[in-house]
Amino acid sequence: MPESIVVIRLSRNLRYKLTYVRIFETYLESEHQAVVAELLRSLLQAYQAAIGPLASYLRRMEVAIQEMELDEKLLDHASSRGDTESQLRFIHDGLSRAALWYKTQLADRQMAADPELRQLLLELGEIDAAKLWRTEAVMASLKIPLALKEPEYSEPTVPEPQKTPEWRPRLVDDVRRPNWTGRSGQAAQGERGSGRSTPDTQGYSRPGGRGQRRPDFRFSRQSPERSGMDEDKSPDKDSKSGDQK
């Protein structure tokens, strides 16, 4: 026959209480502060007193209490706390969970159906709530925070990308006149500014040059008659020179 939810939950609660009794005894052996030692003794007495009525109720439900083992995982967590501050914080966390657990069980219909069980849960919950308040008072007197502050993580700053010059179309002012002389520097600019031809290139007009003369081709346009007249005159000149001789 499967166990009821009431037996499972109460057996687990009894197992936790037996384990915490062992934890309180272990902490008390190595504690030297009087206020903390007094707190541990009060917790030990309260849990030993709460085990009696809880175990009695489970016996009536035919649960073998003597075969119940301690929670080894909970013992390992408790033994890893090496100083008073971490030990008190561990105890505070356990009492907080226990007080919340009793409040949840009282709101459950299955757990609150039996008036005797409901009264038992109410008394055990009040014990844990009272011990939780006293633990917080001791921690406050020792200036021990209830919880460790989580480290603050700041978002990594991403460097802004370097700004590149935006593309823009070339305007008329951006276009310079080409240098056709093949020279560079101020000499070429001076020639373009003066508009005069260089001595070795007079009579030849460079493309793009301003104020330069065009080649004179007028000698090739002379009429044939004029050219013949010139040829006719040349023998006369020779004859005259011969007569004179």
C-alpha atoms as a PDB file:
ATOM      1  CA  MET A   1       0.000   0.000   0.000  1.00  0.00           C
ATOM      2  CA  PRO A   2       1.550   3.356  -1.022  1.00  0.00           C
ATOM      3  CA  GLU A   3       2.261   5.872   1.713  1.00  0.00           C
ATOM      4  CA  SER A   4      -0.017   8.869   1.986  1.00  0.00           C
ATOM      5  CA  ILE A   5       1.186  12.385   1.306  1.00  0.00           C
ATOM      6  CA  VAL A   6       0.817  13.152   5.011  1.00  0.00           C
ATOM      7  CA  VAL A   7       3.227  10.358   6.014  1.00  0.00           C
ATOM      8  CA  ILE A   8       5.766  11.358   3.371  1.00  0.00           C
ATOM      9  CA  ARG A   9       5.813  15.020   4.337  1.00  0.00           C
ATOM     10  CA  LEU A  10       5.867  14.464   8.102  1.00  0.00           C
ATOM     11  CA  SER A  11       8.626  11.833   7.815  1.00  0.00           C
ATOM     12  CA  ARG A  12      10.736  14.251   5.803  1.00  0.00           C
ATOM     13  CA  ASN A  13      10.135  16.995   8.367  1.00  0.00           C
ATOM     14  CA  LEU A  14      11.185  14.725  11.213  1.00  0.00           C
ATOM     15  CA  ARG A  15      14.318  13.723   9.342  1.00  0.00           C
ATOM     16  CA  TYR A  16      15.293  17.389   8.901  1.00  0.00           C
ATOM     17  CA  LYS A  17      14.749  18.087  12.593  1.00  0.00           C
ATOM     18  CA  LEU A  18      16.927  15.161  13.653  1.00  0.00           C
ATOM     19  CA  THR A  19      19.660  16.348  11.273  1.00  0.00           C
ATOM     20  CA  TYR A  20      19.523  19.932  12.582  1.00  0.00           C
ATOM     21  CA  VAL A  21      19.878  18.655  16.142  1.00  0.00           C
ATOM     22  CA  ARG A  22      23.190  17.085  15.109  1.00  0.00           C
ATOM     23  CA  ILE A  23      24.227  20.328  13.369  1.00  0.00           C
ATOM     24  CA  PHE A  24      23.441  22.475  16.419  1.00  0.00           C
ATOM     25  CA  GLU A  25      25.444  20.133  18.642  1.00  0.00           C
ATOM     26  CA  THR A  26      28.442  20.313  16.269  1.00  0.00           C
ATOM     27  CA  TYR A  27      28.368  24.104  16.057  1.00  0.00           C
ATOM     28  CA  LEU A  28      28.022  24.448  19.792  1.00  0.00           C
ATOM     29  CA  GLU A  29      31.201  22.454  20.420  1.00  0.00           C
ATOM     30  CA  SER A  30      33.382  24.947  18.518  1.00  0.00           C
ATOM     31  CA  GLU A  31      31.554  28.188  19.368  1.00  0.00           C
ATOM     32  CA  HIS A  32      33.309  30.628  21.764  1.00  0.00           C
ATOM     33  CA  GLN A  33      31.034  33.658  21.581  1.00  0.00           C
ATOM     34  CA  ALA A  34      28.540  33.636  24.438  1.00  0.00           C
ATOM     35  CA  VAL A  35      25.643  35.172  22.511  1.00  0.00           C
ATOM     36  CA  VAL A  36      25.972  32.668  19.677  1.00  0.00           C
ATOM     37  CA  ALA A  37      26.385  29.745  22.052  1.00  0.00           C
ATOM     38  CA  GLU A  38      23.207  30.779  23.895  1.00  0.00           C
ATOM     39  CA  LEU A  39      21.339  30.890  20.600  1.00  0.00           C
ATOM     40  CA  LEU A  40      22.559  27.414  19.622  1.00  0.00           C
ATOM     41  CA  ARG A  41      21.463  25.956  22.989  1.00  0.00           C
ATOM     42  CA  SER A  42      17.994  27.468  22.620  1.00  0.00           C
ATOM     43  CA  LEU A  43      17.674  26.070  19.103  1.00  0.00           C
ATOM     44  CA  LEU A  44      18.815  22.644  20.269  1.00  0.00           C
ATOM     45  CA  GLN A  45      16.258  22.545  23.089  1.00  0.00           C
ATOM     46  CA  ALA A  46      13.422  23.752  20.820  1.00  0.00           C
ATOM     47  CA  TYR A  47      14.086  21.099  18.180  1.00  0.00           C
ATOM     48  CA  GLN A  48      14.431  18.294  20.736  1.00  0.00           C
ATOM     49  CA  ALA A  49      11.095  19.350  22.193  1.00  0.00           C
ATOM     50  CA  ALA A  50       9.458  19.416  18.735  1.00  0.00           C
ATOM     51  CA  ILE A  51      10.668  15.913  17.818  1.00  0.00           C
ATOM     52  CA  GLY A  52       8.575  14.216  20.573  1.00  0.00           C
ATOM     53  CA  PRO A  53       5.008  15.077  19.424  1.00  0.00           C
ATOM     54  CA  LEU A  54       5.935  14.732  15.725  1.00  0.00           C
ATOM     55  CA  ALA A  55       7.422  11.260  16.251  1.00  0.00           C
ATOM     56  CA  SER A  56       4.417  10.244  18.340  1.00  0.00           C
ATOM     57  CA  TYR A  57       1.988  11.183  15.573  1.00  0.00           C
ATOM     58  CA  LEU A  58       3.997   9.181  13.022  1.00  0.00           C
ATOM     59  CA  ARG A  59       4.059   6.118  15.288  1.00  0.00           C
ATOM     60  CA  ARG A  60       0.280   6.116  15.377  1.00  0.00           C
ATOM     61  CA  MET A  61       0.455   5.993  11.577  1.00  0.00           C
ATOM     62  CA  GLU A  62       2.719   2.900  11.853  1.00  0.00           C
ATOM     63  CA  VAL A  63       5.915   4.650  10.726  1.00  0.00           C
ATOM     64  CA  ALA A  64       9.225   3.089  11.908  1.00  0.00           C
ATOM     65  CA  ILE A  65      10.915   6.071  13.554  1.00  0.00           C
ATOM     66  CA  GLN A  66      13.963   4.151  14.777  1.00  0.00           C
ATOM     67  CA  GLU A  67      15.000   3.284  11.217  1.00  0.00           C
ATOM     68  CA  MET A  68      15.080   6.918  10.065  1.00  0.00           C
ATOM     69  CA  GLU A  69      18.512   8.149   8.958  1.00  0.00           C
ATOM     70  CA  LEU A  70      19.969  11.627   8.944  1.00  0.00           C
ATOM     71  CA  ASP A  71      20.251  13.741   5.812  1.00  0.00           C
ATOM     72  CA  GLU A  72      23.900  13.361   4.785  1.00  0.00           C
ATOM     73  CA  LYS A  73      23.662  16.054   2.128  1.00  0.00           C
ATOM     74  CA  LEU A  74      22.436  18.579   4.680  1.00  0.00           C
ATOM     75  CA  LEU A  75      25.262  17.587   7.031  1.00  0.00           C
ATOM     76  CA  ASP A  76      27.830  18.169   4.282  1.00  0.00           C
ATOM     77  CA  HIS A  77      26.479  21.650   3.634  1.00  0.00           C
ATOM     78  CA  ALA A  78      26.603  22.464   7.333  1.00  0.00           C
ATOM     79  CA  SER A  79      30.173  21.209   7.757  1.00  0.00           C
ATOM     80  CA  SER A  80      31.377  23.423   4.902  1.00  0.00           C
ATOM     81  CA  ARG A  81      30.612  26.530   6.996  1.00  0.00           C
ATOM     82  CA  GLY A  82      33.871  27.245   8.762  1.00  0.00           C
ATOM     83  CA  ASP A  83      33.210  30.521  10.627  1.00  0.00           C
ATOM     84  CA  THR A  84      30.462  31.916  12.845  1.00  0.00           C
ATOM     85  CA  GLU A  85      29.127  34.287  10.216  1.00  0.00           C
ATOM     86  CA  SER A  86      28.549  31.594   7.615  1.00  0.00           C
ATOM     87  CA  GLN A  87      27.139  29.193  10.237  1.00  0.00           C
ATOM     88  CA  LEU A  88      24.555  31.709  11.408  1.00  0.00           C
ATOM     89  CA  ARG A  89      23.622  32.461   7.830  1.00  0.00           C
ATOM     90  CA  PHE A  90      23.145  28.731   7.206  1.00  0.00           C
ATOM     91  CA  ILE A  91      20.899  28.403  10.281  1.00  0.00           C
ATOM     92  CA  HIS A  92      18.900  31.466   9.256  1.00  0.00           C
ATOM     93  CA  ASP A  93      18.313  30.028   5.808  1.00  0.00           C
ATOM     94  CA  GLY A  94      17.082  26.725   7.266  1.00  0.00           C
ATOM     95  CA  LEU A  95      14.681  28.404   9.691  1.00  0.00           C
ATOM     96  CA  SER A  96      13.293  30.619   6.921  1.00  0.00           C
ATOM     97  CA  ARG A  97      12.553  27.579   4.779  1.00  0.00           C
ATOM     98  CA  ALA A  98      10.962  25.724   7.692  1.00  0.00           C
ATOM     99  CA  ALA A  99       8.651  28.616   8.632  1.00  0.00           C
ATOM    100  CA  LEU A 100       7.520  28.935   5.013  1.00  0.00           C
ATOM    101  CA  TRP A 101       6.971  25.174   4.780  1.00  0.00           C
ATOM    102  CA  TYR A 102       4.603  25.135   7.778  1.00  0.00           C
ATOM    103  CA  LYS A 103       2.622  28.032   6.346  1.00  0.00           C
ATOM    104  CA  THR A 104       2.225  26.150   3.064  1.00  0.00           C
ATOM    105  CA  GLN A 105       1.109  22.943   4.783  1.00  0.00           C
ATOM    106  CA  LEU A 106      -1.567  24.734   6.775  1.00  0.00           C
ATOM    107  CA  ALA A 107      -3.079  25.971   3.502  1.00  0.00           C
ATOM    108  CA  ASP A 108      -3.165  22.426   2.080  1.00  0.00           C
ATOM    109  CA  ARG A 109      -6.490  20.616   2.527  1.00  0.00           C
ATOM    110  CA  GLN A 110      -4.877  17.184   2.823  1.00  0.00           C
ATOM    111  CA  MET A 111      -2.594  18.295   5.634  1.00  0.00           C
ATOM    112  CA  ALA A 112      -5.256  20.344   7.446  1.00  0.00           C
ATOM    113  CA  ALA A 113      -8.039  17.737   7.221  1.00  0.00           C
ATOM    114  CA  ASP A 114      -7.111  16.235  10.617  1.00  0.00           C
ATOM    115  CA  PRO A 115      -7.626  18.793  13.447  1.00  0.00           C
ATOM    116  CA  GLU A 116      -4.884  17.152  15.531  1.00  0.00           C
ATOM    117  CA  LEU A 117      -2.378  17.382  12.710  1.00  0.00           C
ATOM    118  CA  ARG A 118      -3.396  20.957  11.988  1.00  0.00           C
ATOM    119  CA  GLN A 119      -2.760  21.929  15.594  1.00  0.00           C
ATOM    120  CA  LEU A 120       0.609  20.147  15.534  1.00  0.00           C
ATOM    121  CA  LEU A 121       1.693  21.965  12.391  1.00  0.00           C
ATOM    122  CA  LEU A 122       0.612  25.288  13.860  1.00  0.00           C
ATOM    123  CA  GLU A 123       2.674  24.764  17.028  1.00  0.00           C
ATOM    124  CA  LEU A 124       5.776  23.602  15.165  1.00  0.00           C
ATOM    125  CA  GLY A 125       5.506  26.545  12.759  1.00  0.00           C
ATOM    126  CA  GLU A 126       5.310  29.036  15.639  1.00  0.00           C
ATOM    127  CA  ILE A 127       8.447  27.527  17.202  1.00  0.00           C
ATOM    128  CA  ASP A 128      10.460  27.924  14.024  1.00  0.00           C
ATOM    129  CA  ALA A 129       9.137  31.447  13.454  1.00  0.00           C
ATOM    130  CA  ALA A 130      10.167  32.469  16.992  1.00  0.00           C
ATOM    131  CA  LYS A 131      13.652  30.979  16.574  1.00  0.00           C
ATOM    132  CA  LEU A 132      14.006  32.700  13.214  1.00  0.00           C
ATOM    133  CA  TRP A 133      13.265  36.069  14.836  1.00  0.00           C
ATOM    134  CA  ARG A 134      15.832  35.433  17.588  1.00  0.00           C
ATOM    135  CA  THR A 135      18.482  34.358  15.074  1.00  0.00           C
ATOM    136  CA  GLU A 136      17.971  37.571  13.110  1.00  0.00           C
ATOM    137  CA  ALA A 137      18.320  39.595  16.317  1.00  0.00           C
ATOM    138  CA  VAL A 138      21.643  37.909  17.159  1.00  0.00           C
ATOM    139  CA  MET A 139      22.953  38.470  13.646  1.00  0.00           C
ATOM    140  CA  ALA A 140      21.946  42.132  13.802  1.00  0.00           C
ATOM    141  CA  SER A 141      23.796  42.580  17.110  1.00  0.00           C
ATOM    142  CA  LEU A 142      26.917  41.083  15.542  1.00  0.00           C
ATOM    143  CA  LYS A 143      26.422  43.201  12.401  1.00  0.00           C
ATOM    144  CA  ILE A 144      26.174  40.137  10.195  1.00  0.00           C
ATOM    145  CA  PRO A 145      24.113  40.633   7.025  1.00  0.00           C
ATOM    146  CA  LEU A 146      21.354  38.124   6.423  1.00  0.00           C
ATOM    147  CA  ALA A 147      22.581  37.453   2.903  1.00  0.00           C
ATOM    148  CA  LEU A 148      25.780  37.992   1.028  1.00  0.00           C
ATOM    149  CA  LYS A 149      25.788  40.912  -1.343  1.00  0.00           C
ATOM    150  CA  GLU A 150      25.952  39.765  -4.902  1.00  0.00           C
ATOM    151  CA  PRO A 151      28.781  41.303  -6.900  1.00  0.00           C
ATOM    152  CA  GLU A 152      27.713  44.139  -9.132  1.00  0.00           C
ATOM    153  CA  TYR A 153      28.457  43.460 -12.734  1.00  0.00           C
ATOM    154  CA  SER A 154      28.775  46.450 -14.997  1.00  0.00           C
ATOM    155  CA  GLU A 155      28.158  46.122 -18.670  1.00  0.00           C
ATOM    156  CA  PRO A 156      31.364  46.281 -20.690  1.00  0.00           C
ATOM    157  CA  THR A 157      31.766  49.534 -22.520  1.00  0.00           C
ATOM    158  CA  VAL A 158      31.951  49.053 -26.239  1.00  0.00           C
ATOM    159  CA  PRO A 159      34.282  51.577 -27.902  1.00  0.00           C
ATOM    160  CA  GLU A 160      32.592  53.733 -30.458  1.00  0.00           C
ATOM    161  CA  PRO A 161      33.681  53.078 -34.041  1.00  0.00           C
ATOM    162  CA  GLN A 162      35.882  55.701 -35.595  1.00  0.00           C
ATOM    163  CA  LYS A 163      34.000  58.128 -37.761  1.00  0.00           C
ATOM    164  CA  THR A 164      34.936  57.925 -41.428  1.00  0.00           C
ATOM    165  CA  PRO A 165      34.460  60.929 -43.689  1.00  0.00           C
ATOM    166  CA  GLU A 166      31.245  60.691 -45.585  1.00  0.00           C
ATOM    167  CA  TRP A 167      31.369  60.472 -49.351  1.00  0.00           C
ATOM    168  CA  ARG A 168      30.366  63.610 -51.196  1.00  0.00           C
ATOM    169  CA  PRO A 169      30.286  64.376 -54.920  1.00  0.00           C
ATOM    170  CA  ARG A 170      33.100  66.462 -56.343  1.00  0.00           C
ATOM    171  CA  LEU A 171      32.050  70.008 -57.048  1.00  0.00           C
ATOM    172  CA  VAL A 172      33.345  72.320 -59.753  1.00  0.00           C
ATOM    173  CA  ASP A 173      35.567  74.087 -57.279  1.00  0.00           C
ATOM    174  CA  ASP A 174      37.218  70.811 -56.382  1.00  0.00           C
ATOM    175  CA  VAL A 175      38.359  70.147 -59.963  1.00  0.00           C
ATOM    176  CA  ARG A 176      41.651  71.843 -60.801  1.00  0.00           C
ATOM    177  CA  ARG A 177      42.886  72.639 -64.259  1.00  0.00           C
ATOM    178  CA  PRO A 178      45.133  69.955 -65.752  1.00  0.00           C
ATOM    179  CA  ASN A 179      48.851  70.586 -65.958  1.00  0.00           C
ATOM    180  CA  TRP A 180      49.762  70.074 -69.630  1.00  0.00           C
ATOM    181  CA  THR A 181      53.332  71.310 -69.336  1.00  0.00           C
ATOM    182  CA  GLY A 182      54.461  68.259 -67.452  1.00  0.00           C
ATOM    183  CA  ARG A 183      55.970  70.506 -64.797  1.00  0.00           C
ATOM    184  CA  SER A 184      54.991  70.525 -61.182  1.00  0.00           C
ATOM    185  CA  GLY A 185      54.938  73.111 -58.502  1.00  0.00           C
ATOM    186  CA  GLN A 186      54.704  76.852 -58.719  1.00  0.00           C
ATOM    187  CA  ALA A 187      56.418  77.088 -62.139  1.00  0.00           C
ATOM    188  CA  ALA A 188      53.609  75.294 -63.899  1.00  0.00           C
ATOM    189  CA  GLN A 189      51.007  77.332 -62.070  1.00  0.00           C
ATOM    190  CA  GLY A 190      52.814  80.559 -63.004  1.00  0.00           C
ATOM    191  CA  GLU A 191      52.783  79.653 -66.664  1.00  0.00           C
ATOM    192  CA  ARG A 192      49.104  78.881 -66.631  1.00  0.00           C
ATOM    193  CA  GLY A 193      48.403  82.113 -64.812  1.00  0.00           C
ATOM    194  CA  SER A 194      50.393  84.372 -67.164  1.00  0.00           C
ATOM    195  CA  GLY A 195      48.967  82.855 -70.327  1.00  0.00           C
ATOM    196  CA  ARG A 196      52.267  83.346 -72.211  1.00  0.00           C
ATOM    197  CA  SER A 197      54.067  80.732 -74.249  1.00  0.00           C
ATOM    198  CA  THR A 198      57.543  79.614 -73.409  1.00  0.00           C
ATOM    199  CA  PRO A 199      60.322  80.818 -75.703  1.00  0.00           C
ATOM    200  CA  ASP A 200      60.948  77.429 -77.282  1.00  0.00           C
ATOM    201  CA  THR A 201      57.335  76.919 -78.147  1.00  0.00           C
ATOM    202  CA  GLN A 202      56.316  80.259 -79.667  1.00  0.00           C
ATOM    203  CA  GLY A 203      53.939  80.006 -82.500  1.00  0.00           C
ATOM    204  CA  TYR A 204      52.456  76.732 -81.218  1.00  0.00           C
ATOM    205  CA  SER A 205      49.242  76.746 -79.326  1.00  0.00           C
ATOM    206  CA  ARG A 206      48.918  74.217 -76.552  1.00  0.00           C
ATOM    207  CA  PRO A 207      45.524  72.820 -75.799  1.00  0.00           C
ATOM    208  CA  GLY A 208      44.077  74.547 -72.788  1.00  0.00           C
ATOM    209  CA  GLY A 209      46.611  77.401 -72.919  1.00  0.00           C
ATOM    210  CA  ARG A 210      45.105  80.811 -72.478  1.00  0.00           C
ATOM    211  CA  GLY A 211      46.363  83.774 -74.518  1.00  0.00           C
ATOM    212  CA  GLN A 212      48.717  81.684 -76.738  1.00  0.00           C
ATOM    213  CA  ARG A 213      49.156  82.393 -80.472  1.00  0.00           C
ATOM    214  CA  ARG A 214      47.995  80.029 -83.145  1.00  0.00           C
ATOM    215  CA  PRO A 215      50.380  78.930 -85.902  1.00  0.00           C
ATOM    216  CA  ASP A 216      50.470  81.309 -88.874  1.00  0.00           C
ATOM    217  CA  PHE A 217      49.628  79.367 -92.012  1.00  0.00           C
ATOM    218  CA  ARG A 218      49.014  82.401 -94.205  1.00  0.00           C
ATOM    219  CA  PHE A 219      52.118  81.768 -96.357  1.00  0.00           C
ATOM    220  CA  SER A 220      50.506  78.619 -97.700  1.00  0.00           C
ATOM    221  CA  ARG A 221      47.420  80.525 -98.806  1.00  0.00           C
ATOM    222  CA  GLN A 222      49.142  82.831-101.320  1.00  0.00           C
ATOM    223  CA  SER A 223      47.607  82.854-104.822  1.00  0.00           C
ATOM    224  CA  PRO A 224      49.453  81.199-107.706  1.00  0.00           C
ATOM    225  CA  GLU A 225      49.494  84.465-109.659  1.00  0.00           C
ATOM    226  CA  ARG A 226      51.327  86.215-106.893  1.00  0.00           C
ATOM    227  CA  SER A 227      53.806  83.454-106.621  1.00  0.00           C
ATOM    228  CA  GLY A 228      54.379  83.565-110.384  1.00  0.00           C
ATOM    229  CA  MET A 229      54.949  87.260-110.410  1.00  0.00           C
ATOM    230  CA  ASP A 230      57.640  86.775-107.896  1.00  0.00           C
ATOM    231  CA  GLU A 231      59.295  84.198-110.130  1.00  0.00           C
ATOM    232  CA  ASP A 232      59.118  86.490-113.144  1.00  0.00           C
ATOM    233  CA  LYS A 233      60.790  89.277-111.314  1.00  0.00           C
ATOM    234  CA  SER A 234      63.781  87.242-110.399  1.00  0.00           C
ATOM    235  CA  PRO A 235      65.257  86.915-113.945  1.00  0.00           C
ATOM    236  CA  ASP A 236      64.955  90.616-114.533  1.00  0.00           C
ATOM    237  CA  LYS A 237      66.920  91.208-111.464  1.00  0.00           C
ATOM    238  CA  ASP A 238      69.605  88.890-112.767  1.00  0.00           C
ATOM    239  CA  SER A 239      69.704  90.581-116.127  1.00  0.00           C
ATOM    240  CA  LYS A 240      70.021  93.968-114.652  1.00  0.00           C
ATOM    241  CA  SER A 241      72.810  92.832-112.512  1.00  0.00           C
ATOM    242  CA  GLY A 242      74.538  91.398-115.606  1.00  0.00           C
ATOM    243  CA  ASP A 243      74.224  94.589-117.591  1.00  0.00           C
ATOM    244  CA  GLN A 244      75.660  96.522-114.797  1.00  0.00           C
ATOM    245  CA  LYS A 245      78.612  94.215-114.718  1.00  0.00           C
END
